[in-house]
Protein backbone atom coordinates (compact mmCIF):
# COMPACT_ATOMS: atom_id res chain seq x y z
CA MET A 1 -13.75 -13.75 20.66
CA LYS A 2 -13.60 -13.56 17.36
CA GLU A 3 -11.54 -10.92 14.88
CA SER A 4 -13.25 -8.16 12.51
CA ILE A 5 -12.01 -6.52 10.09
CA PHE A 6 -13.68 -2.99 8.79
CA SER A 7 -11.56 -0.66 6.27
CA ILE A 8 -12.68 2.43 4.75
CA GLU A 9 -10.79 4.97 1.58
CA ILE A 10 -10.13 8.38 3.13
CA THR A 11 -9.87 11.44 0.77
CA SER A 12 -7.41 12.94 3.30
CA SER A 13 -4.16 13.06 4.79
CA LYS A 14 -2.70 10.31 6.83
CA GLU A 15 -2.31 13.11 9.64
CA LYS A 16 -5.65 14.09 9.27
CA VAL A 17 -7.57 10.67 10.15
CA TRP A 18 -5.47 10.77 12.79
CA SER A 19 -6.37 13.67 14.05
CA THR A 20 -9.97 12.83 13.50
CA LEU A 21 -9.44 9.70 15.04
CA TRP A 22 -7.83 10.75 18.20
CA ASN A 23 -8.72 13.99 19.06
CA ASP A 24 -11.57 14.56 21.79
CA ALA A 25 -14.54 16.21 19.96
CA SER A 26 -14.13 14.28 17.27
CA PHE A 27 -13.60 10.65 18.87
CA ARG A 28 -16.95 11.67 20.62
CA ASP A 29 -18.39 12.13 17.54
CA TRP A 30 -17.48 9.26 15.47
CA ALA A 31 -17.58 6.37 18.74
CA SER A 32 -20.88 7.62 19.74
CA MET A 33 -22.08 5.84 16.19
CA ILE A 34 -20.80 2.26 17.77
CA ASP A 35 -21.51 2.90 21.57
CA ASP A 36 -23.95 6.85 22.32
CA GLY A 37 -21.47 8.63 24.73
CA THR A 38 -18.70 7.01 24.11
CA TYR A 39 -15.04 8.69 25.59
CA MET A 40 -11.77 8.08 26.12
CA LYS A 41 -10.01 8.92 28.96
CA GLY A 42 -5.57 9.26 29.41
CA VAL A 43 -2.98 10.27 27.81
CA MET A 44 -2.13 8.26 24.07
CA GLU A 45 1.60 7.08 24.68
CA GLU A 46 2.81 3.66 24.25
CA GLY A 47 3.19 1.60 27.48
CA ASN A 48 0.17 3.68 28.60
CA GLU A 49 -3.47 2.74 29.73
CA ILE A 50 -6.27 4.55 28.40
CA GLN A 51 -9.96 3.83 29.11
CA PHE A 52 -13.23 4.02 26.70
CA ILE A 53 -16.17 4.28 28.65
CA SER A 54 -19.51 5.11 27.90
CA SER A 55 -21.09 8.41 29.68
CA ILE A 56 -24.25 6.79 28.98
CA ASN A 57 -24.23 3.36 30.92
CA GLY A 58 -21.04 3.58 32.66
CA TYR A 59 -19.84 0.58 30.92
CA GLY A 60 -16.28 0.84 29.58
CA VAL A 61 -12.65 -1.33 28.55
CA THR A 62 -9.62 -0.22 30.13
CA ASP A 63 -6.49 -0.48 27.52
CA LEU A 64 -2.71 -0.93 26.92
CA ILE A 65 -1.24 0.92 24.33
CA GLU A 66 0.83 -2.03 23.07
CA LYS A 67 2.43 -0.31 19.82
CA LEU A 68 2.56 3.52 18.88
CA ILE A 69 3.32 4.71 15.79
CA TYR A 70 1.93 8.39 15.99
CA ASN A 71 -0.22 8.87 12.47
CA GLU A 72 0.30 5.51 11.15
CA PHE A 73 -0.64 2.59 13.89
CA VAL A 74 -1.67 1.79 17.55
CA LEU A 75 -2.25 -1.58 19.12
CA PHE A 76 -4.77 -1.53 22.16
CA ARG A 77 -4.91 -4.62 24.54
CA HIS A 78 -8.02 -4.99 26.54
CA SER A 79 -6.83 -5.51 30.04
CA ALA A 80 -10.06 -4.91 31.84
CA ASP A 81 -13.94 -4.74 31.85
CA THR A 82 -15.18 -1.85 33.70
CA PHE A 83 -18.58 0.35 34.75
CA GLU A 84 -18.96 2.85 37.09
CA ASP A 85 -16.68 5.40 34.98
CA GLY A 86 -14.03 2.63 35.01
CA LYS A 87 -13.48 2.49 38.79
CA GLN A 88 -14.90 -1.20 39.13
CA ILE A 89 -14.37 -4.41 37.00
CA ARG A 90 -17.05 -6.18 35.65
CA LYS A 91 -17.81 -9.25 33.92
CA ASN A 92 -14.53 -9.59 31.52
CA GLU A 93 -16.26 -9.65 27.73
CA TRP A 94 -13.58 -7.86 25.99
CA THR A 95 -10.49 -8.58 28.63
CA GLY A 96 -7.85 -9.81 26.38
CA GLY A 97 -8.63 -9.11 23.06
CA PHE A 98 -6.68 -6.72 20.54
CA GLU A 99 -7.73 -3.57 18.62
CA SER A 100 -5.30 -2.00 15.97
CA TYR A 101 -5.82 1.38 13.97
CA SER A 102 -3.33 0.91 10.58
CA LEU A 103 -3.78 4.06 8.17
CA ILE A 104 -1.62 3.81 4.92
CA GLU A 105 -1.22 7.06 2.23
CA GLU A 106 -1.05 6.83 -1.21
CA ASN A 107 -1.80 9.50 -3.76
CA GLY A 108 -3.67 11.66 -0.80
CA ILE A 109 -6.29 8.60 -0.10
CA THR A 110 -5.62 7.06 3.10
CA THR A 111 -6.53 4.14 3.76
CA LEU A 112 -7.73 3.13 7.48
CA ILE A 113 -8.02 -0.76 8.56
CA VAL A 114 -9.46 -1.28 12.05
CA LYS A 115 -8.96 -5.00 13.08
CA THR A 116 -10.87 -5.80 16.89
CA ASP A 117 -11.43 -9.07 18.65
CA VAL A 118 -15.22 -8.95 19.49
CA PRO A 119 -17.49 -10.54 21.81
CA SER A 120 -19.60 -12.95 19.86
CA GLU A 121 -22.61 -11.69 21.93
CA GLN A 122 -21.84 -8.56 19.95
CA GLU A 123 -20.49 -8.82 16.39
CA GLU A 124 -23.82 -8.52 14.95
CA THR A 125 -23.77 -5.06 16.43
CA PHE A 126 -20.51 -4.40 15.70
CA ASN A 127 -20.86 -5.52 12.24
CA VAL A 128 -23.86 -3.28 11.57
CA ARG A 129 -22.46 0.06 14.03
CA PHE A 130 -18.56 -0.03 13.17
CA PRO A 131 -19.04 0.64 9.30
CA LEU A 132 -21.29 3.97 10.52
CA ALA A 133 -18.68 5.47 12.35
CA LEU A 134 -15.55 4.62 9.89
CA GLU A 135 -18.28 6.88 7.45
CA ARG A 136 -18.30 9.24 10.20
CA VAL A 137 -14.61 9.20 10.80
CA LYS A 138 -14.41 9.92 6.52
CA ALA A 139 -16.59 12.52 6.34
CA LEU A 140 -14.71 14.19 9.78
CA ALA A 141 -11.62 13.86 7.88
CA GLU A 142 -12.30 15.34 4.73
CA GLY A 143 -14.56 17.99 5.90
CA GLY A 144 -13.46 21.07 6.64
CA SER A 145 -10.52 22.07 9.26
CA ASP A 146 -13.36 23.42 11.85
CA ASN A 147 -14.21 19.78 11.88
CA VAL A 148 -11.12 18.36 13.68
CA ILE A 149 -9.94 20.21 16.91
């Protein structure tokens, strides 16, 4: 796996950006730019496992939330690759990798920095799709309050 780093500046508070990242409806919206139909299953608390699953193909990854500072930082460790909506283990493509989201706000602008370990066979896809997803996060967070549930 190779670490990829993506970032974007968003004219919004870090609380609104955080909400856009992790509330169900907005998460499904921006995450679908990476993998169509992706949703999150679980409770966002440090020490919990959470699953990211594609409703289209049933593939996903189970993550351990290793570090969580609300509205500022989350670190996920990919603990298992799954399919059938997380019911079965599959090839360990993502297992062992990390993914983090950092939010830094200054003068009304929040910088979102995402670091993610990406399997080499998916690197090109992520280099195209992740910036699109961050642009969608930006549009949602900078939009009206009705865009974030």
